[in-house]
C-alpha atoms as a PDB file:
ATOM      1  CA  ASP A   1     -17.740 -10.648  -2.724  1.00  0.00           C
ATOM      2  CA  GLU A   2     -18.353 -14.568  -1.962  1.00  0.00           C
ATOM      3  CA  LEU A   3     -16.927 -17.886  -3.087  1.00  0.00           C
ATOM      4  CA  LEU A   4     -19.106 -21.586  -3.739  1.00  0.00           C
ATOM      5  CA  PHE A   5     -17.814 -24.409  -3.344  1.00  0.00           C
ATOM      6  CA  LYS A   6     -18.810 -28.280  -3.684  1.00  0.00           C
ATOM      7  CA  ASN A   7     -16.875 -31.508  -3.270  1.00  0.00           C
ATOM      8  CA  GLN A   8     -13.655 -29.489  -1.308  1.00  0.00           C
ATOM      9  CA  SER A   9     -13.767 -27.095  -5.158  1.00  0.00           C
ATOM     10  CA  VAL A  10     -14.406 -24.011  -5.529  1.00  0.00           C
ATOM     11  CA  LYS A  11     -17.166 -23.871  -8.586  1.00  0.00           C
ATOM     12  CA  GLY A  12     -18.240 -20.215  -8.530  1.00  0.00           C
ATOM     13  CA  LEU A  13     -18.541 -17.134  -6.938  1.00  0.00           C
ATOM     14  CA  ARG A  14     -21.422 -14.511  -5.939  1.00  0.00           C
ATOM     15  CA  THR A  15     -21.153 -10.674  -6.101  1.00  0.00           C
ATOM     16  CA  ARG A  16     -22.095  -8.161  -3.864  1.00  0.00           C
ATOM     17  CA  SER A  17     -25.285  -7.797  -6.424  1.00  0.00           C
ATOM     18  CA  GLY A  18     -26.322 -11.638  -5.864  1.00  0.00           C
ATOM     19  CA  LEU A  19     -25.136 -12.432  -9.313  1.00  0.00           C
ATOM     20  CA  GLU A  20     -24.005 -16.463  -9.587  1.00  0.00           C
ATOM     21  CA  LEU A  21     -20.835 -16.949 -12.021  1.00  0.00           C
ATOM     22  CA  ASN A  22     -19.503 -20.625 -12.282  1.00  0.00           C
ATOM     23  CA  SER A  23     -16.070 -21.033 -13.034  1.00  0.00           C
ATOM     24  CA  ARG A  24     -13.758 -24.352 -12.813  1.00  0.00           C
ATOM     25  CA  SER A  25     -10.680 -22.182 -11.666  1.00  0.00           C
ATOM     26  CA  ILE A  26     -10.345 -18.919  -9.409  1.00  0.00           C
ATOM     27  CA  VAL A  27      -7.297 -16.620  -8.616  1.00  0.00           C
ATOM     28  CA  ILE A  28      -7.941 -14.252  -5.498  1.00  0.00           C
ATOM     29  CA  THR A  29      -5.745 -10.848  -5.885  1.00  0.00           C
ATOM     30  CA  THR A  30      -7.710  -9.188  -3.056  1.00  0.00           C
ATOM     31  CA  GLY A  31      -4.287  -6.684  -2.522  1.00  0.00           C
ATOM     32  CA  THR A  32      -5.722  -4.655   0.417  1.00  0.00           C
ATOM     33  CA  PHE A  33      -9.069  -4.811   0.321  1.00  0.00           C
ATOM     34  CA  LEU A  34     -10.031  -8.597   2.057  1.00  0.00           C
ATOM     35  CA  ASN A  35     -12.342  -7.005   5.337  1.00  0.00           C
ATOM     36  CA  GLY A  36      -9.823  -3.801   4.640  1.00  0.00           C
ATOM     37  CA  ARG A  37      -9.847  -0.611   6.927  1.00  0.00           C
ATOM     38  CA  ILE A  38      -8.308   2.553   6.422  1.00  0.00           C
ATOM     39  CA  HIS A  39      -7.069   4.712   9.629  1.00  0.00           C
ATOM     40  CA  LEU A  40      -5.957   8.781   9.063  1.00  0.00           C
ATOM     41  CA  GLY A  41      -5.225   9.910  12.358  1.00  0.00           C
ATOM     42  CA  MET A  42      -7.856   8.839  14.993  1.00  0.00           C
ATOM     43  CA  LYS A  43     -10.064   8.359  12.361  1.00  0.00           C
ATOM     44  CA  SER A  44     -11.187   5.331  10.223  1.00  0.00           C
ATOM     45  CA  SER A  45     -13.441   3.928   7.873  1.00  0.00           C
ATOM     46  CA  PRO A  46     -13.756   0.157   5.564  1.00  0.00           C
ATOM     47  CA  ALA A  47     -12.648   0.320   2.707  1.00  0.00           C
ATOM     48  CA  GLY A  48     -10.063  -1.242   0.605  1.00  0.00           C
ATOM     49  CA  ARG A  49      -8.705   1.891  -0.285  1.00  0.00           C
ATOM     50  CA  ALA A  50      -9.233   5.669   0.165  1.00  0.00           C
ATOM     51  CA  GLY A  51     -12.682   5.778  -1.551  1.00  0.00           C
ATOM     52  CA  GLU A  52     -13.493   1.856  -2.685  1.00  0.00           C
ATOM     53  CA  LYS A  53     -15.600  -0.912  -0.312  1.00  0.00           C
ATOM     54  CA  PRO A  54     -13.735  -3.504   1.151  1.00  0.00           C
ATOM     55  CA  SER A  55     -14.901  -6.872   0.532  1.00  0.00           C
ATOM     56  CA  THR A  56     -15.766  -8.398   3.552  1.00  0.00           C
ATOM     57  CA  ARG A  57     -17.586 -11.389   2.642  1.00  0.00           C
ATOM     58  CA  LEU A  58     -15.018 -13.177   1.411  1.00  0.00           C
ATOM     59  CA  SER A  59     -13.260 -12.943   4.767  1.00  0.00           C
ATOM     60  CA  ARG A  60     -16.014 -15.524   5.546  1.00  0.00           C
ATOM     61  CA  SER A  61     -15.778 -17.692   3.508  1.00  0.00           C
ATOM     62  CA  PHE A  62     -11.971 -18.265   3.779  1.00  0.00           C
ATOM     63  CA  LEU A  63     -13.044 -19.107   7.259  1.00  0.00           C
ATOM     64  CA  ASP A  64     -15.905 -21.304   6.869  1.00  0.00           C
ATOM     65  CA  GLN A  65     -13.442 -23.639   4.853  1.00  0.00           C
ATOM     66  CA  GLY A  66     -10.886 -23.566   7.784  1.00  0.00           C
ATOM     67  CA  PHE A  67      -8.753 -21.387   6.425  1.00  0.00           C
ATOM     68  CA  GLU A  68      -6.390 -19.638   9.087  1.00  0.00           C
ATOM     69  CA  LEU A  69      -6.297 -15.978   8.287  1.00  0.00           C
ATOM     70  CA  GLY A  70      -4.128 -13.199   9.802  1.00  0.00           C
ATOM     71  CA  ARG A  71      -3.679  -9.265   9.996  1.00  0.00           C
ATOM     72  CA  LEU A  72      -1.329  -7.108   8.516  1.00  0.00           C
ATOM     73  CA  LYS A  73      -1.095  -3.245   7.409  1.00  0.00           C
ATOM     74  CA  THR A  74       0.979  -0.838   5.243  1.00  0.00           C
ATOM     75  CA  GLY A  75       0.163   2.795   4.190  1.00  0.00           C
ATOM     76  CA  THR A  76       0.720   4.806   1.790  1.00  0.00           C
ATOM     77  CA  PRO A  77       1.920   8.458   1.696  1.00  0.00           C
ATOM     78  CA  PRO A  78       0.294  12.017   1.119  1.00  0.00           C
ATOM     79  CA  ARG A  79       0.190  13.004  -2.981  1.00  0.00           C
ATOM     80  CA  LEU A  80       1.685  16.432  -3.264  1.00  0.00           C
ATOM     81  CA  HIS A  81       0.945  18.583  -6.344  1.00  0.00           C
ATOM     82  CA  CYS A  82       4.195  19.017  -8.783  1.00  0.00           C
ATOM     83  CA  LYS A  83       3.911  22.500  -9.306  1.00  0.00           C
ATOM     84  CA  SER A  84       4.321  23.611  -5.744  1.00  0.00           C
ATOM     85  CA  ILE A  85       8.119  21.814  -4.993  1.00  0.00           C
ATOM     86  CA  ASP A  86      10.914  23.136  -5.225  1.00  0.00           C
ATOM     87  CA  PHE A  87      12.579  21.017  -7.853  1.00  0.00           C
ATOM     88  CA  SER A  88      16.141  23.107  -7.414  1.00  0.00           C
ATOM     89  CA  LYS A  89      16.561  21.879  -4.181  1.00  0.00           C
ATOM     90  CA  CYS A  90      16.567  18.618  -4.757  1.00  0.00           C
ATOM     91  CA  GLU A  91      18.639  16.075  -6.592  1.00  0.00           C
ATOM     92  CA  ILE A  92      17.196  14.500  -9.613  1.00  0.00           C
ATOM     93  CA  GLN A  93      17.227  10.583 -10.217  1.00  0.00           C
ATOM     94  CA  GLU A  94      17.413  10.400 -14.387  1.00  0.00           C
ATOM     95  CA  GLY A  95      16.202   7.149 -15.359  1.00  0.00           C
ATOM     96  CA  ASP A  96      18.183   4.558 -17.587  1.00  0.00           C
ATOM     97  CA  SER A  97      18.388   6.055 -21.024  1.00  0.00           C
ATOM     98  CA  ASP A  98      17.894   3.086 -22.825  1.00  0.00           C
ATOM     99  CA  PRO A  99      15.762   1.379 -20.625  1.00  0.00           C
ATOM    100  CA  LYS A 100      15.171  -2.836 -21.307  1.00  0.00           C
ATOM    101  CA  PRO A 101      12.018  -3.876 -21.380  1.00  0.00           C
ATOM    102  CA  PHE A 102      11.286  -7.032 -18.817  1.00  0.00           C
ATOM    103  CA  SER A 103       9.192  -8.500 -21.680  1.00  0.00           C
ATOM    104  CA  PHE A 104      10.830 -10.223 -24.663  1.00  0.00           C
ATOM    105  CA  SER A 105       8.002  -9.378 -26.605  1.00  0.00           C
ATOM    106  CA  THR A 106       8.421  -6.025 -26.010  1.00  0.00           C
ATOM    107  CA  LEU A 107      10.993  -4.955 -28.454  1.00  0.00           C
ATOM    108  CA  LYS A 108      11.777  -1.152 -27.483  1.00  0.00           C
ATOM    109  CA  ILE A 109      10.241   1.498 -24.637  1.00  0.00           C
ATOM    110  CA  GLU A 110       8.761   4.275 -26.891  1.00  0.00           C
ATOM    111  CA  GLN A 111       6.662   6.397 -23.447  1.00  0.00           C
ATOM    112  CA  PRO A 112       8.863   9.690 -23.027  1.00  0.00           C
ATOM    113  CA  GLN A 113      10.815   9.370 -19.967  1.00  0.00           C
ATOM    114  CA  VAL A 114      10.171  11.573 -17.018  1.00  0.00           C
ATOM    115  CA  PRO A 115      13.161  11.643 -13.670  1.00  0.00           C
ATOM    116  CA  CYS A 116      12.696  11.259 -10.355  1.00  0.00           C
ATOM    117  CA  TYR A 117      13.559  13.628  -7.287  1.00  0.00           C
ATOM    118  CA  MET A 118      15.535  13.067  -4.290  1.00  0.00           C
ATOM    119  CA  THR A 119      15.113  14.876  -0.941  1.00  0.00           C
ATOM    120  CA  TYR A 120      16.049  13.803   2.520  1.00  0.00           C
ATOM    121  CA  THR A 121      13.442  14.434   6.076  1.00  0.00           C
ATOM    122  CA  ASN A 122      15.724  16.125   8.947  1.00  0.00           C
ATOM    123  CA  SER A 123      15.687  16.709  12.533  1.00  0.00           C
ATOM    124  CA  GLN A 124      12.521  19.233  12.422  1.00  0.00           C
ATOM    125  CA  THR A 125      10.767  16.391  10.405  1.00  0.00           C
ATOM    126  CA  ALA A 126      11.322  13.861  13.352  1.00  0.00           C
ATOM    127  CA  GLU A 127      10.510  16.434  16.035  1.00  0.00           C
ATOM    128  CA  ILE A 128       6.604  16.959  14.759  1.00  0.00           C
ATOM    129  CA  ILE A 129       6.233  13.418  14.122  1.00  0.00           C
ATOM    130  CA  GLN A 130       7.843  12.353  18.230  1.00  0.00           C
ATOM    131  CA  GLY A 131       5.384  15.220  18.937  1.00  0.00           C
ATOM    132  CA  ASN A 132       2.269  13.603  17.284  1.00  0.00           C
ATOM    133  CA  MET A 133       2.617   9.971  18.210  1.00  0.00           C
ATOM    134  CA  HIS A 134      -0.352  10.242  20.272  1.00  0.00           C
ATOM    135  CA  LEU A 135      -2.575  11.191  16.836  1.00  0.00           C
ATOM    136  CA  SER A 136      -0.795   8.091  15.221  1.00  0.00           C
ATOM    137  CA  PRO A 137      -3.381   5.051  15.098  1.00  0.00           C
ATOM    138  CA  LEU A 138       0.043   2.522  14.445  1.00  0.00           C
ATOM    139  CA  TYR A 139       1.126   4.023  17.781  1.00  0.00           C
ATOM    140  CA  SER A 140      -2.055   4.862  19.811  1.00  0.00           C
ATOM    141  CA  GLY A 141      -3.221   1.507  19.866  1.00  0.00           C
ATOM    142  CA  CYS A 142      -6.014   1.558  16.742  1.00  0.00           C
ATOM    143  CA  ILE A 143      -4.377  -1.134  14.528  1.00  0.00           C
ATOM    144  CA  ASP A 144      -3.672  -4.204  15.219  1.00  0.00           C
ATOM    145  CA  GLY A 145      -1.566  -5.400  11.559  1.00  0.00           C
ATOM    146  CA  ILE A 146       1.678  -6.076  11.601  1.00  0.00           C
ATOM    147  CA  GLY A 147       3.202  -4.050   8.399  1.00  0.00           C
ATOM    148  CA  PRO A 148       4.392  -6.530   5.448  1.00  0.00           C
ATOM    149  CA  ARG A 149       8.386  -6.648   4.841  1.00  0.00           C
ATOM    150  CA  TYR A 150       9.987  -3.436   2.825  1.00  0.00           C
ATOM    151  CA  CYS A 151       6.943  -1.332   3.821  1.00  0.00           C
ATOM    152  CA  PRO A 152       8.189   1.020   6.439  1.00  0.00           C
ATOM    153  CA  SER A 153       6.113   4.193   7.648  1.00  0.00           C
ATOM    154  CA  ILE A 154       7.707   7.512   8.416  1.00  0.00           C
ATOM    155  CA  GLU A 155       6.448   6.912  12.111  1.00  0.00           C
ATOM    156  CA  ASP A 156       8.430   3.466  12.232  1.00  0.00           C
ATOM    157  CA  LYS A 157      11.596   4.953  10.508  1.00  0.00           C
ATOM    158  CA  VAL A 158      11.659   7.858  13.331  1.00  0.00           C
ATOM    159  CA  VAL A 159      10.818   5.263  16.599  1.00  0.00           C
ATOM    160  CA  LYS A 160      13.323   2.470  15.237  1.00  0.00           C
ATOM    161  CA  PHE A 161      15.895   4.466  13.832  1.00  0.00           C
ATOM    162  CA  PRO A 162      15.784   7.685  16.939  1.00  0.00           C
ATOM    163  CA  ASP A 163      19.376   8.161  15.581  1.00  0.00           C
ATOM    164  CA  ARG A 164      19.088   8.837  11.973  1.00  0.00           C
ATOM    165  CA  MET A 165      17.511  12.248  11.544  1.00  0.00           C
ATOM    166  CA  SER A 166      17.643  11.846   7.839  1.00  0.00           C
ATOM    167  CA  HIS A 167      15.827   9.494   5.546  1.00  0.00           C
ATOM    168  CA  HIS A 168      15.473   9.244   1.535  1.00  0.00           C
ATOM    169  CA  VAL A 169      12.397  11.076  -0.289  1.00  0.00           C
ATOM    170  CA  PHE A 170      11.958  10.001  -3.475  1.00  0.00           C
ATOM    171  CA  LEU A 171       9.582  12.436  -5.368  1.00  0.00           C
ATOM    172  CA  GLU A 172       8.028   9.990  -7.821  1.00  0.00           C
ATOM    173  CA  PRO A 173       5.592  11.588 -10.918  1.00  0.00           C
ATOM    174  CA  GLU A 174       2.916   9.289 -10.992  1.00  0.00           C
ATOM    175  CA  GLY A 175       2.243   9.701 -14.422  1.00  0.00           C
ATOM    176  CA  ILE A 176       3.039  11.251 -17.514  1.00  0.00           C
ATOM    177  CA  ASN A 177       0.028  13.279 -17.974  1.00  0.00           C
ATOM    178  CA  THR A 178      -0.752  13.852 -13.656  1.00  0.00           C
ATOM    179  CA  ASP A 179       0.434  16.728 -11.408  1.00  0.00           C
ATOM    180  CA  TRP A 180       0.806  14.204  -8.894  1.00  0.00           C
ATOM    181  CA  ILE A 181       3.549  13.387  -7.547  1.00  0.00           C
ATOM    182  CA  TYR A 182       4.254  10.024  -4.822  1.00  0.00           C
ATOM    183  CA  PRO A 183       6.491  10.937  -2.046  1.00  0.00           C
ATOM    184  CA  ASN A 184       8.201   7.437  -1.500  1.00  0.00           C
ATOM    185  CA  GLY A 185       9.656   7.086   1.817  1.00  0.00           C
ATOM    186  CA  ILE A 186       7.202   9.128   3.913  1.00  0.00           C
ATOM    187  CA  SER A 187       4.270   6.677   4.030  1.00  0.00           C
ATOM    188  CA  THR A 188       2.314   7.961   6.886  1.00  0.00           C
ATOM    189  CA  SER A 189      -1.468   7.609   8.880  1.00  0.00           C
ATOM    190  CA  LEU A 190      -0.624  10.691  11.335  1.00  0.00           C
ATOM    191  CA  ALA A 191      -4.049  13.226  11.032  1.00  0.00           C
ATOM    192  CA  GLU A 192      -4.270  15.452   8.036  1.00  0.00           C
ATOM    193  CA  ASP A 193      -2.720  19.213   9.790  1.00  0.00           C
ATOM    194  CA  VAL A 194       0.393  16.958  10.746  1.00  0.00           C
ATOM    195  CA  GLN A 195       1.182  15.786   7.707  1.00  0.00           C
ATOM    196  CA  TRP A 196       1.442  19.281   6.388  1.00  0.00           C
ATOM    197  CA  LYS A 197       3.633  20.240   9.064  1.00  0.00           C
ATOM    198  CA  LEU A 198       5.960  17.198   8.073  1.00  0.00           C
ATOM    199  CA  VAL A 199       5.690  17.100   4.425  1.00  0.00           C
ATOM    200  CA  ARG A 200       6.647  21.324   4.667  1.00  0.00           C
ATOM    201  CA  THR A 201       9.937  20.495   6.836  1.00  0.00           C
ATOM    202  CA  ILE A 202      11.190  18.467   3.737  1.00  0.00           C
ATOM    203  CA  PRO A 203      13.809  20.365   1.468  1.00  0.00           C
ATOM    204  CA  GLY A 204      11.830  21.018  -1.610  1.00  0.00           C
ATOM    205  CA  LEU A 205       8.708  20.525   0.060  1.00  0.00           C
ATOM    206  CA  GLU A 206       7.979  24.115   2.345  1.00  0.00           C
ATOM    207  CA  SER A 207       5.936  24.929   0.030  1.00  0.00           C
ATOM    208  CA  ALA A 208       4.077  21.656  -1.385  1.00  0.00           C
ATOM    209  CA  GLU A 209       0.505  21.393  -1.606  1.00  0.00           C
ATOM    210  CA  ILE A 210      -1.162  18.024  -0.782  1.00  0.00           C
ATOM    211  CA  VAL A 211      -3.782  17.076  -2.873  1.00  0.00           C
ATOM    212  CA  ALA A 212      -4.533  13.466  -1.323  1.00  0.00           C
ATOM    213  CA  PRO A 213      -3.782  13.170   2.406  1.00  0.00           C
ATOM    214  CA  GLY A 214      -1.438   9.634   3.554  1.00  0.00           C
ATOM    215  CA  TYR A 215      -3.406   7.326   5.716  1.00  0.00           C
ATOM    216  CA  ALA A 216      -2.644   2.861   6.757  1.00  0.00           C
ATOM    217  CA  VAL A 217      -4.937   0.527   5.430  1.00  0.00           C
ATOM    218  CA  GLU A 218      -5.439  -2.780   7.659  1.00  0.00           C
ATOM    219  CA  TYR A 219      -6.109  -6.164   5.780  1.00  0.00           C
ATOM    220  CA  ASP A 220      -6.669 -10.145   6.002  1.00  0.00           C
ATOM    221  CA  PHE A 221      -4.386 -11.937   4.979  1.00  0.00           C
ATOM    222  CA  VAL A 222      -4.540 -15.650   4.299  1.00  0.00           C
ATOM    223  CA  LEU A 223      -1.451 -17.565   5.835  1.00  0.00           C
ATOM    224  CA  PRO A 224       0.936 -19.050   2.791  1.00  0.00           C
ATOM    225  CA  THR A 225       1.558 -22.295   4.112  1.00  0.00           C
ATOM    226  CA  GLN A 226      -1.940 -22.919   3.457  1.00  0.00           C
ATOM    227  CA  LEU A 227      -0.314 -22.706  -0.223  1.00  0.00           C
ATOM    228  CA  PHE A 228       0.919 -25.274  -2.225  1.00  0.00           C
ATOM    229  CA  PRO A 229       4.083 -24.700  -4.311  1.00  0.00           C
ATOM    230  CA  THR A 230       1.426 -23.341  -7.314  1.00  0.00           C
ATOM    231  CA  LEU A 231      -0.196 -21.245  -4.928  1.00  0.00           C
ATOM    232  CA  GLU A 232      -3.388 -23.316  -5.713  1.00  0.00           C
ATOM    233  CA  THR A 233      -4.828 -23.949  -1.739  1.00  0.00           C
ATOM    234  CA  LYS A 234      -4.365 -26.629  -0.241  1.00  0.00           C
ATOM    235  CA  LYS A 235      -7.893 -26.965   1.517  1.00  0.00           C
ATOM    236  CA  VAL A 236      -9.919 -26.425  -1.578  1.00  0.00           C
ATOM    237  CA  LYS A 237      -8.657 -27.505  -4.958  1.00  0.00           C
ATOM    238  CA  ARG A 238      -8.764 -24.783  -7.928  1.00  0.00           C
ATOM    239  CA  LEU A 239      -8.409 -22.063  -6.289  1.00  0.00           C
ATOM    240  CA  PHE A 240      -4.846 -20.100  -6.366  1.00  0.00           C
ATOM    241  CA  HIS A 241      -4.047 -16.992  -3.970  1.00  0.00           C
ATOM    242  CA  ALA A 242      -1.306 -14.184  -5.414  1.00  0.00           C
ATOM    243  CA  GLY A 243      -0.096 -10.907  -4.358  1.00  0.00           C
ATOM    244  CA  GLN A 244      -0.541  -9.315  -0.995  1.00  0.00           C
ATOM    245  CA  ILE A 245      -3.449 -12.289  -0.376  1.00  0.00           C
ATOM    246  CA  ASN A 246      -0.380 -14.410   1.007  1.00  0.00           C
ATOM    247  CA  GLY A 247       0.928 -11.846   3.404  1.00  0.00           C
ATOM    248  CA  THR A 248       3.571 -10.389   0.477  1.00  0.00           C
ATOM    249  CA  SER A 249       4.032  -6.615   0.413  1.00  0.00           C
ATOM    250  CA  GLY A 250       3.037  -6.963  -3.428  1.00  0.00           C
ATOM    251  CA  TYR A 251       6.913  -5.710  -4.996  1.00  0.00           C
ATOM    252  CA  GLU A 252       7.473  -9.842  -4.831  1.00  0.00           C
ATOM    253  CA  GLU A 253       5.069 -10.116  -7.786  1.00  0.00           C
ATOM    254  CA  ALA A 254       5.789  -6.713  -9.414  1.00  0.00           C
END
């Protein structure tokens, strides 16, 4: 939870319990946990993601070394129970019949493949969102951070593209052995009761059950101009930053 330095080089870290660990190099991959705060409607609490504590003292470590920090926000959609979805009203999206691995060390992908499905928001969805914008922390002044590229919330889409009533929603299984569905395209931090209403305006989701609400998360990042092309920091030797701490969405690394 805290970095240790000596002569402009990183020398280790101190955990929340006080345990000190020495290291010649450290790679920081904090994701959304760096001084994170989640927002759900008008409620907010410190967290890196739902149910998990943020890393707050680490931000102080960076500030003490003269790093310039910024603030970003991203969001996640409500998770849905697959058995409450009418997939017959959605368009099936099959994966590749013979998926090619990214890594040369993987010869063949043998896991069973499952399809995704596509549906769309509509004017009724937009109407519910517009009528409850006062319950959105993104538009009520509760959140200061801006979003990284490629991660717009459904509130952002409705506000920034008012002439477009329909937006894609991809229904993605969270795994092979789970009933949870990730509705990619409707990230939101609106109040939970509003989320139920907007989800049920979408074809195929008229009876959908939300198993976990969506929320926004606000977090610190370290301006990436303070890095060498190797991702080592310019201010502290042998300290490397990777992922969302650099202000990216995370998709670039994936």
